[in-house]
């Protein structure tokens, strides 16, 4: 943890603080902390997780959002910036309507936060875990591509603090709150480009659309054949009646 200034700020001052352009700052007990520039793999992991959560929420019709670069107030004069924040759409809209920095205050708790470890990995495992636990965030993921593993922290029923479970390469990580949200640990730690996933999804949709079109065309052809056979049978019946054959009696 590198403190960037000896000047202490209140939480309200932090909300309107204008630092160096393009730099994100956390606040820890009044001290500004400059966030390290993320590595490429750090960015890829965050983008992958956001994409997967958004697909999951859409598929299950959940009014939730997955967002990045959004701070969470953890103490009177402390504010952390998790790599990924999961919260309700209603809460996110409230935050968007507020002036100043995008920060979830004490009464605006997220459902889940994710930190992808970097140079300050000790903060993720110790200090931030304690802060997120203190304000009762239900679930906290630590994605650690260097060790490598994913730690999922949550609070069991009737317990007063986090416990955790670790997921290793070759295993599948599962959310505590969203039991159907399951990902390959290998894929999280070394994710594909989201753009490639979108292209694959579009290709599948196009293939599905083509298959549906073919089925519709086959149904139309079958219906035309059925109608043609029905018309032929009706013409034959009419011809037999004209010849004096009582079709009903003969049948």
Foldseek 3Di string as FASTA:
>chain_A
DDFPDPQFDFQVCVLADDDDPPWDWWWDNRTTDTDDDDDPLQVQLLVVVQVLVVVVCVVVVHQKHKDAQAWEDQDRGTIHGFGIFIAGNVLQVVQVPDPGGRYQYLVRATQEGEHEDDPVNVCVVPVVQVSCLNSQNAWYWYQYLVVHWIKIWGAPPPGSGIDIDIGDQVGWDAHPVHRPRIGHSVCSSVPDGVVVVVVVVVVVVVVVVVVVVVVVVVVVVVVVVVVVVVVVVVVVVVVVVVVVDPVVVVD
